[in-house]
Amino acid sequence: MLSLRPNCECCDKDLPADSMEARICTYECTFCAGCVERVLGGSCPNCGGELVRRPIRPKNMLHKHPASTERVLRPHPGCAGAR
């Protein structure tokens, strides 16, 4: 099950569980659409994998399986001021 991380690892933008802007790789590294397009060139800087839109968990399932609250921030070159 996806952890649904709450923020962009690049610019720290909030990405709630229902965000259409969240992008992830196969390791669940999480970034906002803006950083993926403007800074990262569509590839995960951690693993080199493809970044795709994160699926949205149905609201009724968020009660049973809530999104993560653990923020991850790993600024990469170009991330400073990306927000």
PDB file of N, CA and C in Angstrom:
ATOM      1  N   MET A   1       0.847  -1.165   0.000  1.00  0.00           N
ATOM      2  CA  MET A   1       0.000   0.000   0.000  1.00  0.00           C
ATOM      3  C   MET A   1       0.901   1.239   0.000  1.00  0.00           C
ATOM      4  N   LEU A   2       0.558   2.233  -0.782  1.00  0.00           N
ATOM      5  CA  LEU A   2       1.326   3.473  -0.847  1.00  0.00           C
ATOM      6  C   LEU A   2       1.231   4.241   0.463  1.00  0.00           C
ATOM      7  N   SER A   3       2.328   4.871   0.840  1.00  0.00           N
ATOM      8  CA  SER A   3       2.317   5.626   2.092  1.00  0.00           C
ATOM      9  C   SER A   3       1.685   7.004   1.920  1.00  0.00           C
ATOM     10  N   LEU A   4       1.615   7.517   0.707  1.00  0.00           N
ATOM     11  CA  LEU A   4       1.040   8.836   0.424  1.00  0.00           C
ATOM     12  C   LEU A   4       1.754   9.925   1.239  1.00  0.00           C
ATOM     13  N   ARG A   5       3.023  10.113   0.949  1.00  0.00           N
ATOM     14  CA  ARG A   5       3.819  11.122   1.660  1.00  0.00           C
ATOM     15  C   ARG A   5       3.214  12.507   1.482  1.00  0.00           C
ATOM     16  N   PRO A   6       3.341  13.349   2.519  1.00  0.00           N
ATOM     17  CA  PRO A   6       2.614  14.618   2.543  1.00  0.00           C
ATOM     18  C   PRO A   6       3.275  15.819   1.883  1.00  0.00           C
ATOM     19  N   ASN A   7       4.476  15.639   1.274  1.00  0.00           N
ATOM     20  CA  ASN A   7       5.154  16.819   0.736  1.00  0.00           C
ATOM     21  C   ASN A   7       6.076  16.467  -0.418  1.00  0.00           C
ATOM     22  N   CYS A   8       6.474  17.506  -1.149  1.00  0.00           N
ATOM     23  CA  CYS A   8       7.437  17.371  -2.228  1.00  0.00           C
ATOM     24  C   CYS A   8       8.832  17.331  -1.613  1.00  0.00           C
ATOM     25  N   GLU A   9       9.626  16.328  -1.982  1.00  0.00           N
ATOM     26  CA  GLU A   9      10.986  16.198  -1.464  1.00  0.00           C
ATOM     27  C   GLU A   9      11.893  17.319  -1.946  1.00  0.00           C
ATOM     28  N   CYS A  10      11.507  17.983  -3.008  1.00  0.00           N
ATOM     29  CA  CYS A  10      12.341  19.022  -3.596  1.00  0.00           C
ATOM     30  C   CYS A  10      12.062  20.393  -2.969  1.00  0.00           C
ATOM     31  N   CYS A  11      10.810  20.843  -3.005  1.00  0.00           N
ATOM     32  CA  CYS A  11      10.479  22.201  -2.539  1.00  0.00           C
ATOM     33  C   CYS A  11       9.675  22.228  -1.248  1.00  0.00           C
ATOM     34  N   ASP A  12       9.307  21.077  -0.718  1.00  0.00           N
ATOM     35  CA  ASP A  12       8.541  20.935   0.528  1.00  0.00           C
ATOM     36  C   ASP A  12       7.087  21.395   0.415  1.00  0.00           C
ATOM     37  N   LYS A  13       6.583  21.510  -0.801  1.00  0.00           N
ATOM     38  CA  LYS A  13       5.175  21.874  -1.000  1.00  0.00           C
ATOM     39  C   LYS A  13       4.289  20.794  -0.401  1.00  0.00           C
ATOM     40  N   ASP A  14       3.200  21.193   0.242  1.00  0.00           N
ATOM     41  CA  ASP A  14       2.230  20.249   0.783  1.00  0.00           C
ATOM     42  C   ASP A  14       1.544  19.498  -0.360  1.00  0.00           C
ATOM     43  N   LEU A  15       1.458  18.181  -0.205  1.00  0.00           N
ATOM     44  CA  LEU A  15       0.776  17.329  -1.181  1.00  0.00           C
ATOM     45  C   LEU A  15      -0.183  16.411  -0.429  1.00  0.00           C
ATOM     46  N   PRO A  16      -1.385  16.909  -0.137  1.00  0.00           N
ATOM     47  CA  PRO A  16      -2.348  16.097   0.596  1.00  0.00           C
ATOM     48  C   PRO A  16      -2.698  14.818  -0.172  1.00  0.00           C
ATOM     49  N   ALA A  17      -3.291  13.887   0.506  1.00  0.00           N
ATOM     50  CA  ALA A  17      -3.611  12.576  -0.063  1.00  0.00           C
ATOM     51  C   ALA A  17      -4.427  12.672  -1.355  1.00  0.00           C
ATOM     52  N   ASP A  18      -5.214  13.734  -1.509  1.00  0.00           N
ATOM     53  CA  ASP A  18      -6.052  13.879  -2.707  1.00  0.00           C
ATOM     54  C   ASP A  18      -5.448  14.812  -3.752  1.00  0.00           C
ATOM     55  N   SER A  19      -4.170  15.115  -3.647  1.00  0.00           N
ATOM     56  CA  SER A  19      -3.518  16.045  -4.572  1.00  0.00           C
ATOM     57  C   SER A  19      -3.356  15.444  -5.962  1.00  0.00           C
ATOM     58  N   MET A  20      -3.779  16.180  -6.966  1.00  0.00           N
ATOM     59  CA  MET A  20      -3.576  15.789  -8.358  1.00  0.00           C
ATOM     60  C   MET A  20      -2.174  16.174  -8.822  1.00  0.00           C
ATOM     61  N   GLU A  21      -1.427  16.922  -8.007  1.00  0.00           N
ATOM     62  CA  GLU A  21      -0.079  17.374  -8.364  1.00  0.00           C
ATOM     63  C   GLU A  21       1.022  16.423  -7.919  1.00  0.00           C
ATOM     64  N   ALA A  22       0.712  15.445  -7.094  1.00  0.00           N
ATOM     65  CA  ALA A  22       1.741  14.544  -6.550  1.00  0.00           C
ATOM     66  C   ALA A  22       2.242  13.576  -7.620  1.00  0.00           C
ATOM     67  N   ARG A  23       3.562  13.437  -7.677  1.00  0.00           N
ATOM     68  CA  ARG A  23       4.211  12.494  -8.590  1.00  0.00           C
ATOM     69  C   ARG A  23       5.103  11.571  -7.769  1.00  0.00           C
ATOM     70  N   ILE A  24       5.150  10.287  -8.138  1.00  0.00           N
ATOM     71  CA  ILE A  24       5.968   9.321  -7.405  1.00  0.00           C
ATOM     72  C   ILE A  24       6.740   8.428  -8.375  1.00  0.00           C
ATOM     73  N   CYS A  25       7.803   7.812  -7.843  1.00  0.00           N
ATOM     74  CA  CYS A  25       8.530   6.781  -8.589  1.00  0.00           C
ATOM     75  C   CYS A  25       8.167   5.435  -7.965  1.00  0.00           C
ATOM     76  N   THR A  26       8.799   4.361  -8.397  1.00  0.00           N
ATOM     77  CA  THR A  26       8.452   3.042  -7.873  1.00  0.00           C
ATOM     78  C   THR A  26       8.882   2.851  -6.419  1.00  0.00           C
ATOM     79  N   TYR A  27       9.756   3.741  -5.907  1.00  0.00           N
ATOM     80  CA  TYR A  27      10.170   3.674  -4.507  1.00  0.00           C
ATOM     81  C   TYR A  27       9.378   4.647  -3.635  1.00  0.00           C
ATOM     82  N   GLU A  28       8.378   5.300  -4.226  1.00  0.00           N
ATOM     83  CA  GLU A  28       7.517   6.273  -3.560  1.00  0.00           C
ATOM     84  C   GLU A  28       8.198   7.580  -3.217  1.00  0.00           C
ATOM     85  N   CYS A  29       9.343   7.876  -3.840  1.00  0.00           N
ATOM     86  CA  CYS A  29       9.890   9.223  -3.712  1.00  0.00           C
ATOM     87  C   CYS A  29       8.789  10.129  -4.246  1.00  0.00           C
ATOM     88  N   THR A  30       8.545  11.242  -3.579  1.00  0.00           N
ATOM     89  CA  THR A  30       7.372  12.062  -3.890  1.00  0.00           C
ATOM     90  C   THR A  30       7.765  13.491  -4.217  1.00  0.00           C
ATOM     91  N   PHE A  31       7.227  13.999  -5.314  1.00  0.00           N
ATOM     92  CA  PHE A  31       7.532  15.350  -5.781  1.00  0.00           C
ATOM     93  C   PHE A  31       6.264  15.997  -6.326  1.00  0.00           C
ATOM     94  N   CYS A  32       6.254  17.322  -6.383  1.00  0.00           N
ATOM     95  CA  CYS A  32       5.118  18.026  -6.981  1.00  0.00           C
ATOM     96  C   CYS A  32       5.325  18.100  -8.491  1.00  0.00           C
ATOM     97  N   ALA A  33       4.241  18.290  -9.226  1.00  0.00           N
ATOM     98  CA  ALA A  33       4.296  18.336 -10.685  1.00  0.00           C
ATOM     99  C   ALA A  33       5.231  19.443 -11.167  1.00  0.00           C
ATOM    100  N   GLY A  34       5.228  20.587 -10.488  1.00  0.00           N
ATOM    101  CA  GLY A  34       6.077  21.702 -10.892  1.00  0.00           C
ATOM    102  C   GLY A  34       7.553  21.361 -10.834  1.00  0.00           C
ATOM    103  N   CYS A  35       7.993  20.747  -9.758  1.00  0.00           N
ATOM    104  CA  CYS A  35       9.400  20.363  -9.633  1.00  0.00           C
ATOM    105  C   CYS A  35       9.764  19.273 -10.637  1.00  0.00           C
ATOM    106  N   VAL A  36       8.843  18.344 -10.878  1.00  0.00           N
ATOM    107  CA  VAL A  36       9.097  17.277 -11.843  1.00  0.00           C
ATOM    108  C   VAL A  36       9.318  17.875 -13.235  1.00  0.00           C
ATOM    109  N   GLU A  37       8.505  18.856 -13.589  1.00  0.00           N
ATOM    110  CA  GLU A  37       8.589  19.453 -14.921  1.00  0.00           C
ATOM    111  C   GLU A  37       9.739  20.451 -15.034  1.00  0.00           C
ATOM    112  N   ARG A  38       9.891  21.352 -14.066  1.00  0.00           N
ATOM    113  CA  ARG A  38      10.849  22.457 -14.175  1.00  0.00           C
ATOM    114  C   ARG A  38      12.246  22.137 -13.668  1.00  0.00           C
ATOM    115  N   VAL A  39      12.369  21.210 -12.720  1.00  0.00           N
ATOM    116  CA  VAL A  39      13.660  20.961 -12.082  1.00  0.00           C
ATOM    117  C   VAL A  39      14.212  19.571 -12.383  1.00  0.00           C
ATOM    118  N   LEU A  40      13.366  18.562 -12.315  1.00  0.00           N
ATOM    119  CA  LEU A  40      13.833  17.180 -12.355  1.00  0.00           C
ATOM    120  C   LEU A  40      13.749  16.515 -13.728  1.00  0.00           C
ATOM    121  N   GLY A  41      13.118  17.155 -14.685  1.00  0.00           N
ATOM    122  CA  GLY A  41      13.048  16.607 -16.034  1.00  0.00           C
ATOM    123  C   GLY A  41      12.311  15.285 -16.142  1.00  0.00           C
ATOM    124  N   GLY A  42      11.380  15.031 -15.225  1.00  0.00           N
ATOM    125  CA  GLY A  42      10.552  13.831 -15.290  1.00  0.00           C
ATOM    126  C   GLY A  42      11.164  12.578 -14.702  1.00  0.00           C
ATOM    127  N   SER A  43      12.406  12.672 -14.183  1.00  0.00           N
ATOM    128  CA  SER A  43      13.070  11.500 -13.609  1.00  0.00           C
ATOM    129  C   SER A  43      13.350  11.700 -12.127  1.00  0.00           C
ATOM    130  N   CYS A  44      13.245  10.629 -11.367  1.00  0.00           N
ATOM    131  CA  CYS A  44      13.531  10.683  -9.935  1.00  0.00           C
ATOM    132  C   CYS A  44      15.032  10.888  -9.731  1.00  0.00           C
ATOM    133  N   PRO A  45      15.422  11.905  -8.967  1.00  0.00           N
ATOM    134  CA  PRO A  45      16.845  12.143  -8.728  1.00  0.00           C
ATOM    135  C   PRO A  45      17.474  11.113  -7.799  1.00  0.00           C
ATOM    136  N   ASN A  46      16.662  10.336  -7.114  1.00  0.00           N
ATOM    137  CA  ASN A  46      17.178   9.323  -6.188  1.00  0.00           C
ATOM    138  C   ASN A  46      17.489   8.002  -6.891  1.00  0.00           C
ATOM    139  N   CYS A  47      16.598   7.564  -7.782  1.00  0.00           N
ATOM    140  CA  CYS A  47      16.782   6.252  -8.419  1.00  0.00           C
ATOM    141  C   CYS A  47      16.865   6.317  -9.936  1.00  0.00           C
ATOM    142  N   GLY A  48      16.526   7.475 -10.513  1.00  0.00           N
ATOM    143  CA  GLY A  48      16.552   7.613 -11.966  1.00  0.00           C
ATOM    144  C   GLY A  48      15.295   7.112 -12.648  1.00  0.00           C
ATOM    145  N   GLY A  49      14.330   6.651 -11.841  1.00  0.00           N
ATOM    146  CA  GLY A  49      13.083   6.117 -12.393  1.00  0.00           C
ATOM    147  C   GLY A  49      12.116   7.181 -12.872  1.00  0.00           C
ATOM    148  N   GLU A  50      11.097   6.721 -13.563  1.00  0.00           N
ATOM    149  CA  GLU A  50      10.040   7.584 -14.085  1.00  0.00           C
ATOM    150  C   GLU A  50       9.173   8.099 -12.933  1.00  0.00           C
ATOM    151  N   LEU A  51       8.774   9.349 -13.017  1.00  0.00           N
ATOM    152  CA  LEU A  51       7.858   9.938 -12.038  1.00  0.00           C
ATOM    153  C   LEU A  51       6.483  10.053 -12.691  1.00  0.00           C
ATOM    154  N   VAL A  52       5.482   9.449 -12.052  1.00  0.00           N
ATOM    155  CA  VAL A  52       4.119   9.428 -12.580  1.00  0.00           C
ATOM    156  C   VAL A  52       3.147   9.965 -11.527  1.00  0.00           C
ATOM    157  N   ARG A  53       1.922  10.307 -11.988  1.00  0.00           N
ATOM    158  CA  ARG A  53       0.930  10.836 -11.044  1.00  0.00           C
ATOM    159  C   ARG A  53       0.606   9.781  -9.995  1.00  0.00           C
ATOM    160  N   ARG A  54       0.608  10.229  -8.750  1.00  0.00           N
ATOM    161  CA  ARG A  54       0.271   9.331  -7.637  1.00  0.00           C
ATOM    162  C   ARG A  54      -1.241   9.105  -7.617  1.00  0.00           C
ATOM    163  N   PRO A  55      -1.688   7.858  -7.479  1.00  0.00           N
ATOM    164  CA  PRO A  55      -3.130   7.610  -7.401  1.00  0.00           C
ATOM    165  C   PRO A  55      -3.727   8.200  -6.123  1.00  0.00           C
ATOM    166  N   ILE A  56      -4.997   8.473  -6.189  1.00  0.00           N
ATOM    167  CA  ILE A  56      -5.701   9.040  -5.035  1.00  0.00           C
ATOM    168  C   ILE A  56      -6.479   7.928  -4.342  1.00  0.00           C
ATOM    169  N   ARG A  57      -6.219   7.779  -3.063  1.00  0.00           N
ATOM    170  CA  ARG A  57      -6.924   6.767  -2.272  1.00  0.00           C
ATOM    171  C   ARG A  57      -8.342   7.274  -1.993  1.00  0.00           C
ATOM    172  N   PRO A  58      -9.358   6.439  -2.183  1.00  0.00           N
ATOM    173  CA  PRO A  58     -10.727   6.863  -1.901  1.00  0.00           C
ATOM    174  C   PRO A  58     -10.873   7.341  -0.450  1.00  0.00           C
ATOM    175  N   LYS A  59     -11.653   8.389  -0.257  1.00  0.00           N
ATOM    176  CA  LYS A  59     -11.807   8.987   1.085  1.00  0.00           C
ATOM    177  C   LYS A  59     -12.262   7.981   2.124  1.00  0.00           C
ATOM    178  N   ASN A  60     -13.138   7.074   1.750  1.00  0.00           N
ATOM    179  CA  ASN A  60     -13.616   6.104   2.741  1.00  0.00           C
ATOM    180  C   ASN A  60     -12.498   5.148   3.172  1.00  0.00           C
ATOM    181  N   MET A  61     -11.470   4.980   2.360  1.00  0.00           N
ATOM    182  CA  MET A  61     -10.354   4.106   2.721  1.00  0.00           C
ATOM    183  C   MET A  61      -9.267   4.843   3.502  1.00  0.00           C
ATOM    184  N   LEU A  62      -9.277   6.184   3.436  1.00  0.00           N
ATOM    185  CA  LEU A  62      -8.297   6.956   4.205  1.00  0.00           C
ATOM    186  C   LEU A  62      -8.508   6.791   5.707  1.00  0.00           C
ATOM    187  N   HIS A  63      -9.730   6.528   6.136  1.00  0.00           N
ATOM    188  CA  HIS A  63      -9.990   6.294   7.559  1.00  0.00           C
ATOM    189  C   HIS A  63      -9.312   5.006   8.020  1.00  0.00           C
ATOM    190  N   LYS A  64      -9.391   3.988   7.191  1.00  0.00           N
ATOM    191  CA  LYS A  64      -8.805   2.697   7.532  1.00  0.00           C
ATOM    192  C   LYS A  64      -7.294   2.681   7.309  1.00  0.00           C
ATOM    193  N   HIS A  65      -6.835   3.358   6.251  1.00  0.00           N
ATOM    194  CA  HIS A  65      -5.416   3.398   5.887  1.00  0.00           C
ATOM    195  C   HIS A  65      -5.024   4.855   5.630  1.00  0.00           C
ATOM    196  N   PRO A  66      -4.761   5.629   6.688  1.00  0.00           N
ATOM    197  CA  PRO A  66      -4.457   7.054   6.530  1.00  0.00           C
ATOM    198  C   PRO A  66      -3.132   7.304   5.818  1.00  0.00           C
ATOM    199  N   ALA A  67      -3.021   8.483   5.241  1.00  0.00           N
ATOM    200  CA  ALA A  67      -1.788   8.909   4.570  1.00  0.00           C
ATOM    201  C   ALA A  67      -0.703   9.152   5.606  1.00  0.00           C
ATOM    202  N   SER A  68       0.535   9.046   5.170  1.00  0.00           N
ATOM    203  CA  SER A  68       1.681   9.296   6.045  1.00  0.00           C
ATOM    204  C   SER A  68       1.726  10.766   6.472  1.00  0.00           C
ATOM    205  N   THR A  69       2.256  11.014   7.631  1.00  0.00           N
ATOM    206  CA  THR A  69       2.481  12.387   8.102  1.00  0.00           C
ATOM    207  C   THR A  69       3.974  12.705   8.158  1.00  0.00           C
ATOM    208  N   GLU A  70       4.799  11.720   7.814  1.00  0.00           N
ATOM    209  CA  GLU A  70       6.258  11.904   7.857  1.00  0.00           C
ATOM    210  C   GLU A  70       6.732  12.664   6.621  1.00  0.00           C
ATOM    211  N   ARG A  71       7.296  13.850   6.860  1.00  0.00           N
ATOM    212  CA  ARG A  71       7.794  14.676   5.770  1.00  0.00           C
ATOM    213  C   ARG A  71       9.215  14.251   5.414  1.00  0.00           C
ATOM    214  N   VAL A  72       9.493  14.171   4.122  1.00  0.00           N
ATOM    215  CA  VAL A  72      10.821  13.835   3.616  1.00  0.00           C
ATOM    216  C   VAL A  72      11.277  15.009   2.769  1.00  0.00           C
ATOM    217  N   LEU A  73      12.465  15.523   3.052  1.00  0.00           N
ATOM    218  CA  LEU A  73      13.006  16.646   2.280  1.00  0.00           C
ATOM    219  C   LEU A  73      14.453  16.336   1.948  1.00  0.00           C
ATOM    220  N   ARG A  74      14.716  16.155   0.675  1.00  0.00           N
ATOM    221  CA  ARG A  74      16.071  15.876   0.184  1.00  0.00           C
ATOM    222  C   ARG A  74      16.348  16.823  -0.966  1.00  0.00           C
ATOM    223  N   PRO A  75      16.683  18.061  -0.651  1.00  0.00           N
ATOM    224  CA  PRO A  75      16.904  19.022  -1.737  1.00  0.00           C
ATOM    225  C   PRO A  75      17.993  18.556  -2.716  1.00  0.00           C
ATOM    226  N   HIS A  76      17.696  18.653  -3.981  1.00  0.00           N
ATOM    227  CA  HIS A  76      18.605  18.299  -5.055  1.00  0.00           C
ATOM    228  C   HIS A  76      18.987  19.590  -5.772  1.00  0.00           C
ATOM    229  N   PRO A  77      20.056  19.587  -6.555  1.00  0.00           N
ATOM    230  CA  PRO A  77      20.424  20.796  -7.288  1.00  0.00           C
ATOM    231  C   PRO A  77      19.229  21.323  -8.084  1.00  0.00           C
ATOM    232  N   GLY A  78      18.973  22.588  -7.965  1.00  0.00           N
ATOM    233  CA  GLY A  78      17.842  23.192  -8.658  1.00  0.00           C
ATOM    234  C   GLY A  78      16.583  23.286  -7.827  1.00  0.00           C
ATOM    235  N   CYS A  79      16.533  22.595  -6.701  1.00  0.00           N
ATOM    236  CA  CYS A  79      15.332  22.600  -5.874  1.00  0.00           C
ATOM    237  C   CYS A  79      15.183  23.888  -5.072  1.00  0.00           C
ATOM    238  N   ALA A  80      16.259  24.484  -4.665  1.00  0.00           N
ATOM    239  CA  ALA A  80      16.182  25.701  -3.843  1.00  0.00           C
ATOM    240  C   ALA A  80      15.352  26.752  -4.578  1.00  0.00           C
ATOM    241  N   GLY A  81      14.311  27.204  -3.910  1.00  0.00           N
ATOM    242  CA  GLY A  81      13.441  28.215  -4.484  1.00  0.00           C
ATOM    243  C   GLY A  81      12.533  27.712  -5.589  1.00  0.00           C
ATOM    244  N   ALA A  82      12.416  26.418  -5.746  1.00  0.00           N
ATOM    245  CA  ALA A  82      11.578  25.850  -6.814  1.00  0.00           C
ATOM    246  C   ALA A  82      10.103  26.124  -6.594  1.00  0.00           C
ATOM    247  N   ARG A  83       9.716  26.314  -5.372  1.00  0.00           N
ATOM    248  CA  ARG A  83       8.297  26.497  -5.048  1.00  0.00           C
ATOM    249  C   ARG A  83       7.813  27.768  -5.600  1.00  0.00           C
TER     250      ARG A  83
END
